[in-house]
């Protein structure tokens, strides 16, 4: 069959694409950037579309020619000024589903979320439920799947949990007794592959969950053991305080942390496994079994350890540029600055221009680094500037190399730090 997968560059979308291609289906990958899933020799057909803008059926009609099945795998954990829950989870999917009805698509598989039901309270779940309700009203063969946490290689939420589990003291909300029922991506894709068959009854809603619930605290303990980091130590954070922290930290991190996520996690995320087994004829693997079958590699430990350090490195580098720029321009005695410029051969008339130009450049570098604007390019320019400064000072003031505070030698670890920041930004 010819299958259109929206969100094909995301975690679930990538794994679904690989699974369904392996089963012999022809995949049309709908994604924001055409090269996100492209590999050498890959026959994958790709179409580029900004999901937040395609909010009318006419936007979708050209993409649905000769499509048998549509799988909507688009989802976001946090809202931004360009992507809101209502756009991504509700309005655009509804437009897609209406276009499917107009073009006679045989089946639509909507990947919703466990908790997107009549008891939903978060914006995330309410927006998912709105799209589910829209789909159910149409004259289509539809299946709505509601997964708990889906984990596996490339899962952003599980990467976050791994990073937390690697901390010396692991924060948990109200003791960490909340229950979740994570399902591995292989079990998820195996089940979804069955759902695109016309032999599976349509107009059904199915929970996709792991075999049994585990507590958040148990999950962290298992992950820490898996990473080989010894005994887990916890400290409990009250729910109201957790929500405050989430509001403060959410704008500064790409992690799935948000007030909505905290509330959903606190509410638990479980369902009966019996309907899953009855529908698909197999029992998904437990969280502990998956960890035992896939031992942690050194890259897993590095990733967990660097998860929180990598943004801190960028903030530290941004601080360095901002601090030196502000100090040079507004705090350090102008006479001393002019004297240092004179020592390297700058004429008196050019000294103010050079001083404030260099200070402005430092401040600009700091701002661009802080907002993560084209980090690779900005990082290279920073290294060029530091090397240039180092060469000039080494020629004009070579005694700075033997200064006890190392004003020039410190440039070496700074350059290395910037190089690490560049590499991390390309993950």
Protein backbone atom coordinates (compact mmCIF):
# COMPACT_ATOMS: atom_id res chain seq x y z
CA UNK A 1 0.00 0.00 0.00
CA UNK A 2 0.97 3.63 -0.46
CA UNK A 3 1.07 5.30 2.94
CA UNK A 4 1.41 8.98 3.82
CA UNK A 5 3.09 9.50 7.19
CA UNK A 6 2.96 12.98 8.68
CA UNK A 7 5.73 13.82 11.15
CA UNK A 8 7.99 11.34 9.38
CA UNK A 9 11.11 13.07 10.71
CA UNK A 10 10.03 12.70 14.34
CA UNK A 11 10.85 9.86 16.70
CA UNK A 12 7.69 7.82 16.10
CA UNK A 13 7.47 8.81 12.43
CA UNK A 14 11.03 7.68 11.65
CA UNK A 15 10.53 4.27 13.23
CA UNK A 16 7.14 3.80 11.54
CA UNK A 17 8.70 4.68 8.19
CA UNK A 18 11.46 2.10 8.65
CA UNK A 19 9.04 -0.59 9.82
CA UNK A 20 6.49 -0.10 7.05
CA UNK A 21 9.14 0.14 4.35
CA UNK A 22 10.61 -3.14 5.60
CA UNK A 23 7.13 -4.67 5.27
CA UNK A 24 7.01 -3.71 1.60
CA UNK A 25 4.82 -0.61 1.75
CA UNK A 26 5.52 2.53 -0.28
CA UNK A 27 5.96 5.48 2.06
CA UNK A 28 5.40 9.15 1.36
CA UNK A 29 7.16 10.97 4.19
CA UNK A 30 5.57 14.32 5.01
CA UNK A 31 8.02 16.45 6.96
CA UNK A 32 9.15 20.02 7.49
CA UNK A 33 12.51 19.42 5.80
CA UNK A 34 12.91 17.08 2.87
CA UNK A 35 16.30 15.70 3.90
CA UNK A 36 15.50 14.78 7.51
CA UNK A 37 14.99 11.10 6.73
CA UNK A 38 17.09 10.79 3.57
CA UNK A 39 19.77 8.12 3.49
CA UNK A 40 22.12 6.87 0.81
CA UNK A 41 20.18 4.70 -1.64
CA UNK A 42 16.90 5.22 0.23
CA UNK A 43 13.89 5.05 -2.14
CA UNK A 44 11.77 7.06 0.30
CA UNK A 45 9.44 9.57 -1.34
CA UNK A 46 9.44 12.81 0.62
CA UNK A 47 7.24 15.89 0.58
CA UNK A 48 7.93 19.11 2.45
CA UNK A 49 5.14 20.81 4.37
CA UNK A 50 4.95 23.11 7.38
CA UNK A 51 2.35 21.30 9.47
CA UNK A 52 1.45 24.42 11.44
CA UNK A 53 0.30 26.20 8.25
CA UNK A 54 -1.64 23.48 6.40
CA UNK A 55 -4.98 24.17 8.08
CA UNK A 56 -7.44 23.74 5.22
CA UNK A 57 -8.37 20.55 3.30
CA UNK A 58 -7.15 22.16 0.06
CA UNK A 59 -3.62 22.28 1.51
CA UNK A 60 -3.67 18.48 1.73
CA UNK A 61 -5.55 17.41 -1.39
CA UNK A 62 -2.47 17.43 -3.72
CA UNK A 63 -0.60 15.15 -1.29
CA UNK A 64 -3.33 12.52 -1.08
CA UNK A 65 -3.42 11.38 -4.72
CA UNK A 66 -3.13 7.58 -4.86
CA UNK A 67 -2.70 7.36 -1.08
CA UNK A 68 -4.28 4.31 0.55
CA UNK A 69 -3.52 4.98 4.22
CA UNK A 70 -2.67 8.10 6.20
CA UNK A 71 -0.86 7.91 9.54
CA UNK A 72 -0.76 11.14 11.53
CA UNK A 73 2.34 10.96 13.72
CA UNK A 74 2.83 14.68 14.34
CA UNK A 75 3.05 15.83 17.93
CA UNK A 76 4.79 18.38 20.13
CA UNK A 77 5.47 18.35 23.88
CA UNK A 78 5.84 22.11 24.27
CA UNK A 79 4.25 25.07 22.55
CA UNK A 80 6.24 27.84 20.86
CA UNK A 81 5.23 31.11 19.25
CA UNK A 82 5.11 29.32 15.87
CA UNK A 83 3.71 25.94 16.95
CA UNK A 84 0.79 25.66 19.34
CA UNK A 85 -1.09 22.59 20.55
CA UNK A 86 -4.24 23.83 18.84
CA UNK A 87 -2.43 24.22 15.50
CA UNK A 88 -0.39 21.02 15.53
CA UNK A 89 -2.74 18.64 17.36
CA UNK A 90 -6.16 19.93 16.33
CA UNK A 91 -6.70 22.33 13.42
CA UNK A 92 -4.17 20.90 10.97
CA UNK A 93 -5.05 17.22 11.64
CA UNK A 94 -8.75 18.05 11.22
CA UNK A 95 -7.99 19.63 7.83
CA UNK A 96 -6.01 16.52 6.88
CA UNK A 97 -8.81 14.17 7.95
CA UNK A 98 -11.40 16.16 6.00
CA UNK A 99 -9.17 15.98 2.92
CA UNK A 100 -8.89 12.20 3.42
CA UNK A 101 -12.69 11.99 3.38
CA UNK A 102 -12.86 14.01 0.15
CA UNK A 103 -10.25 11.88 -1.64
CA UNK A 104 -11.47 8.49 -0.47
CA UNK A 105 -8.45 7.43 1.59
CA UNK A 106 -9.08 3.86 2.75
CA UNK A 107 -7.90 4.25 6.32
CA UNK A 108 -6.60 6.89 8.73
CA UNK A 109 -4.50 6.02 11.77
CA UNK A 110 -4.43 8.85 14.28
CA UNK A 111 -1.68 8.70 16.91
CA UNK A 112 -3.28 10.39 19.88
CA UNK A 113 -2.24 10.04 23.53
CA UNK A 114 -3.28 8.08 26.58
CA UNK A 115 -5.33 10.49 28.65
CA UNK A 116 -6.91 12.30 25.69
CA UNK A 117 -10.41 11.41 26.87
CA UNK A 118 -13.35 12.91 28.73
CA UNK A 119 -11.15 13.36 31.80
CA UNK A 120 -8.53 15.42 29.91
CA UNK A 121 -7.45 18.64 31.63
CA UNK A 122 -4.13 19.67 30.03
CA UNK A 123 -3.89 21.67 26.82
CA UNK A 124 -1.85 18.82 25.33
CA UNK A 125 -4.54 16.18 25.95
CA UNK A 126 -7.45 18.49 25.13
CA UNK A 127 -5.96 19.35 21.73
CA UNK A 128 -5.36 15.67 20.97
CA UNK A 129 -8.94 14.84 21.99
CA UNK A 130 -10.31 17.60 19.75
CA UNK A 131 -8.66 16.00 16.71
CA UNK A 132 -9.87 12.54 17.76
CA UNK A 133 -13.44 13.86 18.03
CA UNK A 134 -13.15 15.49 14.61
CA UNK A 135 -11.98 12.22 13.02
CA UNK A 136 -14.73 10.16 14.60
CA UNK A 137 -17.43 12.33 12.97
CA UNK A 138 -16.17 11.72 9.43
CA UNK A 139 -17.18 8.98 6.99
CA UNK A 140 -13.81 7.27 7.11
CA UNK A 141 -12.30 3.99 8.24
CA UNK A 142 -10.29 5.31 11.17
CA UNK A 143 -8.28 3.88 14.06
CA UNK A 144 -7.18 6.06 16.98
CA UNK A 145 -4.24 4.75 19.01
CA UNK A 146 -3.50 6.18 22.43
CA UNK A 147 0.02 5.35 23.55
CA UNK A 148 1.55 5.87 26.95
CA UNK A 149 5.18 7.03 26.88
CA UNK A 150 6.84 5.56 23.77
CA UNK A 151 10.55 4.93 24.22
CA UNK A 152 13.49 3.65 22.22
CA UNK A 153 16.42 4.98 20.22
CA UNK A 154 15.90 8.69 19.61
CA UNK A 155 13.11 9.25 22.15
CA UNK A 156 13.41 12.79 23.50
CA UNK A 157 11.38 12.05 26.62
CA UNK A 158 13.41 8.96 27.48
CA UNK A 159 16.66 10.85 26.83
CA UNK A 160 15.48 13.36 29.40
CA UNK A 161 14.67 10.60 31.91
CA UNK A 162 18.09 9.00 31.33
CA UNK A 163 19.78 12.34 32.01
CA UNK A 164 17.83 12.78 35.24
CA UNK A 165 18.66 9.24 36.33
CA UNK A 166 22.39 9.99 35.92
CA UNK A 167 22.31 12.88 38.41
CA UNK A 168 23.89 12.35 41.85
CA UNK A 169 20.48 13.14 43.38
CA UNK A 170 17.40 12.52 41.27
CA UNK A 171 14.43 14.90 41.68
CA UNK A 172 11.02 13.22 41.82
CA UNK A 173 7.61 14.83 42.17
CA UNK A 174 5.83 14.07 45.45
CA UNK A 175 7.95 10.99 46.11
CA UNK A 176 7.92 9.60 42.56
CA UNK A 177 5.01 7.19 43.11
CA UNK A 178 3.19 8.21 39.92
CA UNK A 179 2.62 5.27 37.56
CA UNK A 180 3.36 5.11 33.85
CA UNK A 181 3.17 2.25 31.36
CA UNK A 182 5.85 2.85 28.71
CA UNK A 183 5.77 0.90 25.46
CA UNK A 184 8.87 0.23 23.38
CA UNK A 185 8.92 1.66 19.87
CA UNK A 186 9.35 -1.80 18.30
CA UNK A 187 6.13 -3.03 19.91
CA UNK A 188 4.43 0.23 18.95
CA UNK A 189 5.38 -0.03 15.27
CA UNK A 190 4.56 -3.76 15.15
CA UNK A 191 1.06 -3.03 16.45
CA UNK A 192 0.57 -0.04 14.14
CA UNK A 193 1.62 -2.09 11.11
CA UNK A 194 -1.27 -4.46 11.83
CA UNK A 195 -3.71 -1.55 11.99
CA UNK A 196 -3.21 -0.47 8.39
CA UNK A 197 -4.54 -3.81 7.17
CA UNK A 198 -8.12 -3.79 5.94
CA UNK A 199 -8.63 -7.02 7.91
CA UNK A 200 -8.47 -5.06 11.17
CA UNK A 201 -11.85 -3.49 12.00
CA UNK A 202 -11.98 0.27 11.66
CA UNK A 203 -13.65 2.88 13.84
CA UNK A 204 -11.74 1.70 16.90
CA UNK A 205 -9.81 3.34 19.71
CA UNK A 206 -6.95 1.31 21.17
CA UNK A 207 -4.59 2.02 24.08
CA UNK A 208 -0.96 1.16 23.28
CA UNK A 209 0.78 0.49 26.59
CA UNK A 210 3.47 -1.67 28.13
CA UNK A 211 2.68 -4.93 29.95
CA UNK A 212 2.43 -3.43 33.41
CA UNK A 213 2.65 -0.07 35.20
CA UNK A 214 5.86 1.07 36.85
CA UNK A 215 6.43 4.06 39.10
CA UNK A 216 8.58 6.99 38.08
CA UNK A 217 10.96 6.08 40.89
CA UNK A 218 11.26 2.50 39.61
CA UNK A 219 11.95 3.77 36.10
CA UNK A 220 14.80 5.99 37.32
CA UNK A 221 16.24 3.14 39.39
CA UNK A 222 16.21 0.81 36.38
CA UNK A 223 17.78 3.44 34.12
CA UNK A 224 20.53 4.25 36.60
CA UNK A 225 21.37 0.56 37.00
CA UNK A 226 21.32 0.19 33.21
CA UNK A 227 23.77 3.08 32.85
CA UNK A 228 26.04 1.45 35.44
CA UNK A 229 25.93 4.41 37.82
CA UNK A 230 25.26 2.70 41.13
CA UNK A 231 22.57 3.30 43.72
CA UNK A 232 19.90 5.86 42.94
CA UNK A 233 19.40 8.64 45.49
CA UNK A 234 16.22 10.70 45.35
CA UNK A 235 14.85 13.91 46.72
CA UNK A 236 11.17 14.76 46.57
CA UNK A 237 9.92 18.05 45.11
CA UNK A 238 6.36 19.17 45.94
CA UNK A 239 4.08 19.40 42.92
CA UNK A 240 3.47 23.20 43.15
CA UNK A 241 7.21 23.85 43.32
CA UNK A 242 7.79 21.49 40.36
CA UNK A 243 5.34 23.47 38.26
CA UNK A 244 7.09 26.73 39.15
CA UNK A 245 10.46 25.25 38.16
CA UNK A 246 8.96 24.00 34.89
CA UNK A 247 7.64 27.47 34.04
CA UNK A 248 11.02 29.04 34.74
CA UNK A 249 13.17 26.44 32.98
CA UNK A 250 10.98 25.57 29.98
CA UNK A 251 12.06 28.55 27.80
CA UNK A 252 15.76 27.73 28.33
CA UNK A 253 15.79 24.03 27.51
CA UNK A 254 14.68 21.73 24.70
CA UNK A 255 13.70 19.04 27.18
CA UNK A 256 10.03 17.96 27.36
CA UNK A 257 9.64 19.67 30.75
CA UNK A 258 6.63 22.01 30.98
CA UNK A 259 3.86 22.74 33.49
CA UNK A 260 1.47 20.63 31.39
CA UNK A 261 3.92 17.71 31.32
CA UNK A 262 4.39 17.90 35.10
CA UNK A 263 0.63 17.83 35.68
CA UNK A 264 0.11 14.93 33.26
CA UNK A 265 2.91 12.95 34.85
CA UNK A 266 1.50 13.56 38.31
CA UNK A 267 -1.89 12.27 37.16
CA UNK A 268 -0.46 8.90 36.09
CA UNK A 269 -0.57 7.28 32.66
CA UNK A 270 -1.78 3.66 32.66
CA UNK A 271 -4.38 1.39 31.04
CA UNK A 272 -5.37 -2.28 30.89
CA UNK A 273 -3.09 -4.43 28.72
CA UNK A 274 -5.82 -7.00 27.89
CA UNK A 275 -7.38 -5.13 24.91
CA UNK A 276 -3.90 -4.75 23.41
CA UNK A 277 -3.19 -8.49 23.65
CA UNK A 278 -6.66 -9.38 22.34
CA UNK A 279 -6.23 -7.07 19.35
CA UNK A 280 -2.64 -7.77 18.34
CA UNK A 281 -1.99 -11.28 19.65
CA UNK A 282 1.25 -10.52 21.48
CA UNK A 283 2.36 -9.07 24.78
CA UNK A 284 4.72 -6.07 24.60
CA UNK A 285 8.08 -6.24 26.33
CA UNK A 286 8.47 -4.86 29.82
CA UNK A 287 10.67 -1.85 30.46
CA UNK A 288 13.12 -3.92 32.51
CA UNK A 289 13.33 -6.61 29.82
CA UNK A 290 14.13 -4.09 27.10
CA UNK A 291 16.96 -2.63 29.20
CA UNK A 292 18.34 -6.11 29.87
CA UNK A 293 18.26 -7.00 26.16
CA UNK A 294 19.92 -3.76 25.08
CA UNK A 295 22.90 -3.06 27.39
CA UNK A 296 23.95 0.57 27.69
CA UNK A 297 26.82 1.68 25.48
CA UNK A 298 29.42 4.34 26.23
CA UNK A 299 27.50 6.74 23.98
CA UNK A 300 24.42 6.30 26.21
CA UNK A 301 26.45 7.31 29.26
CA UNK A 302 27.98 10.27 27.45
CA UNK A 303 24.60 11.45 26.22
CA UNK A 304 23.05 11.17 29.68
CA UNK A 305 25.95 13.02 31.28
CA UNK A 306 26.06 15.79 28.68
CA UNK A 307 22.30 16.34 28.43
CA UNK A 308 22.24 19.14 31.01
CA UNK A 309 25.89 20.17 30.61
CA UNK A 310 25.64 20.99 26.89
CA UNK A 311 23.22 23.94 27.31
CA UNK A 312 25.22 25.07 30.35
CA UNK A 313 28.33 25.15 28.18
CA UNK A 314 26.56 27.38 25.65
CA UNK A 315 25.28 29.69 28.39
CA UNK A 316 28.79 29.88 29.90
CA UNK A 317 30.33 30.83 26.56
CA UNK A 318 27.58 33.41 25.99
CA UNK A 319 28.22 34.83 29.46
CA UNK A 320 31.96 35.11 28.74
CA UNK A 321 31.38 37.18 25.59
CA UNK A 322 28.68 39.35 27.15
CA UNK A 323 30.70 39.92 30.33
CA UNK A 324 33.91 40.90 28.55
CA UNK A 325 32.01 43.17 26.16
CA UNK A 326 30.15 45.01 28.90
CA UNK A 327 33.20 45.27 31.18
CA UNK A 328 35.39 46.61 28.37
CA UNK A 329 32.87 49.21 27.25
CA UNK A 330 31.35 50.42 30.51
CA UNK A 331 33.30 49.29 33.60
CA UNK A 332 37.05 48.99 33.05
CA UNK A 333 38.90 52.34 33.20
CA UNK A 334 39.06 53.81 29.69
CA UNK A 335 42.61 55.05 30.28
CA UNK A 336 43.83 51.54 31.03
CA UNK A 337 42.08 50.15 27.95
CA UNK A 338 43.63 52.83 25.76
CA UNK A 339 47.06 52.10 27.24
CA UNK A 340 46.77 48.39 26.36
CA UNK A 341 45.71 49.31 22.82
CA UNK A 342 48.65 51.66 22.55
CA UNK A 343 50.96 48.84 23.69
CA UNK A 344 49.87 46.73 20.70
CA UNK A 345 50.43 49.60 18.31
CA UNK A 346 46.97 51.20 17.96
CA UNK A 347 47.13 54.96 17.34
CA UNK A 348 45.47 57.33 19.78
CA UNK A 349 42.82 58.41 17.27
CA UNK A 350 41.83 54.80 16.55
CA UNK A 351 41.80 53.61 20.15
CA UNK A 352 38.16 54.53 20.98
CA UNK A 353 36.92 53.05 17.69
CA UNK A 354 38.80 49.77 18.22
CA UNK A 355 37.72 49.53 21.86
CA UNK A 356 33.99 50.00 21.25
CA UNK A 357 33.98 47.95 18.05
CA UNK A 358 35.58 45.01 19.88
CA UNK A 359 33.21 45.43 22.83
CA UNK A 360 30.18 45.52 20.52
CA UNK A 361 31.39 42.41 18.72
CA UNK A 362 31.79 40.58 22.02
CA UNK A 363 28.27 41.55 23.10
CA UNK A 364 26.87 40.49 19.72
CA UNK A 365 28.62 37.11 19.97
CA UNK A 366 27.17 36.69 23.46
CA UNK A 367 23.60 37.46 22.37
CA UNK A 368 23.74 35.21 19.30
CA UNK A 369 25.17 32.36 21.35
CA UNK A 370 22.55 32.83 24.05
CA UNK A 371 19.67 32.57 21.56
CA UNK A 372 21.41 29.69 19.77
CA UNK A 373 21.48 31.47 16.42
CA UNK A 374 23.50 29.50 13.82
CA UNK A 375 25.81 28.19 16.52
CA UNK A 376 28.20 26.43 14.13
CA UNK A 377 28.89 29.61 12.13
CA UNK A 378 29.02 31.91 15.16
CA UNK A 379 31.34 29.46 16.96
CA UNK A 380 33.78 29.42 14.04
CA UNK A 381 33.77 33.24 13.94
CA UNK A 382 34.43 33.33 17.69
CA UNK A 383 37.44 31.04 17.27
CA UNK A 384 38.77 33.20 14.43
CA UNK A 385 38.49 36.32 16.59
CA UNK A 386 40.16 34.65 19.59
CA UNK A 387 43.02 33.35 17.43
CA UNK A 388 43.43 36.83 15.91
CA UNK A 389 43.53 38.45 19.38
CA UNK A 390 45.99 35.82 20.58
CA UNK A 391 48.37 36.36 17.65
CA UNK A 392 48.33 40.16 18.01
CA UNK A 393 48.96 40.05 21.77
CA UNK A 394 51.62 37.34 21.41
CA UNK A 395 53.55 39.55 19.00
CA UNK A 396 53.10 42.86 20.80
CA UNK A 397 52.98 41.68 24.41
CA UNK A 398 54.66 38.27 24.60
CA UNK A 399 55.14 38.65 28.36
CA UNK A 400 51.41 37.95 28.75
CA UNK A 401 52.18 34.26 28.11
CA UNK A 402 54.06 34.06 31.42
CA UNK A 403 51.55 36.07 33.42
CA UNK A 404 50.56 34.04 36.54
CA UNK A 405 46.81 34.49 35.80
CA UNK A 406 47.23 33.19 32.24
CA UNK A 407 45.26 35.86 30.33
CA UNK A 408 46.41 34.43 26.99
CA UNK A 409 46.85 30.74 27.77
CA UNK A 410 43.19 30.62 28.89
CA UNK A 411 42.25 31.13 25.25
CA UNK A 412 43.24 27.52 24.55
CA UNK A 413 40.53 25.88 26.73
CA UNK A 414 38.05 28.54 25.57
CA UNK A 415 38.68 27.57 21.94
CA UNK A 416 38.28 23.89 22.78
CA UNK A 417 35.04 24.66 24.63
CA UNK A 418 33.68 26.49 21.61
CA UNK A 419 34.64 23.57 19.37
CA UNK A 420 32.73 21.21 21.68
CA UNK A 421 29.73 23.55 21.59
CA UNK A 422 29.81 23.48 17.76
CA UNK A 423 29.86 19.66 17.68
CA UNK A 424 27.05 19.37 20.22
CA UNK A 425 24.93 21.86 18.26
CA UNK A 426 25.01 19.49 15.25
CA UNK A 427 23.49 16.56 17.15
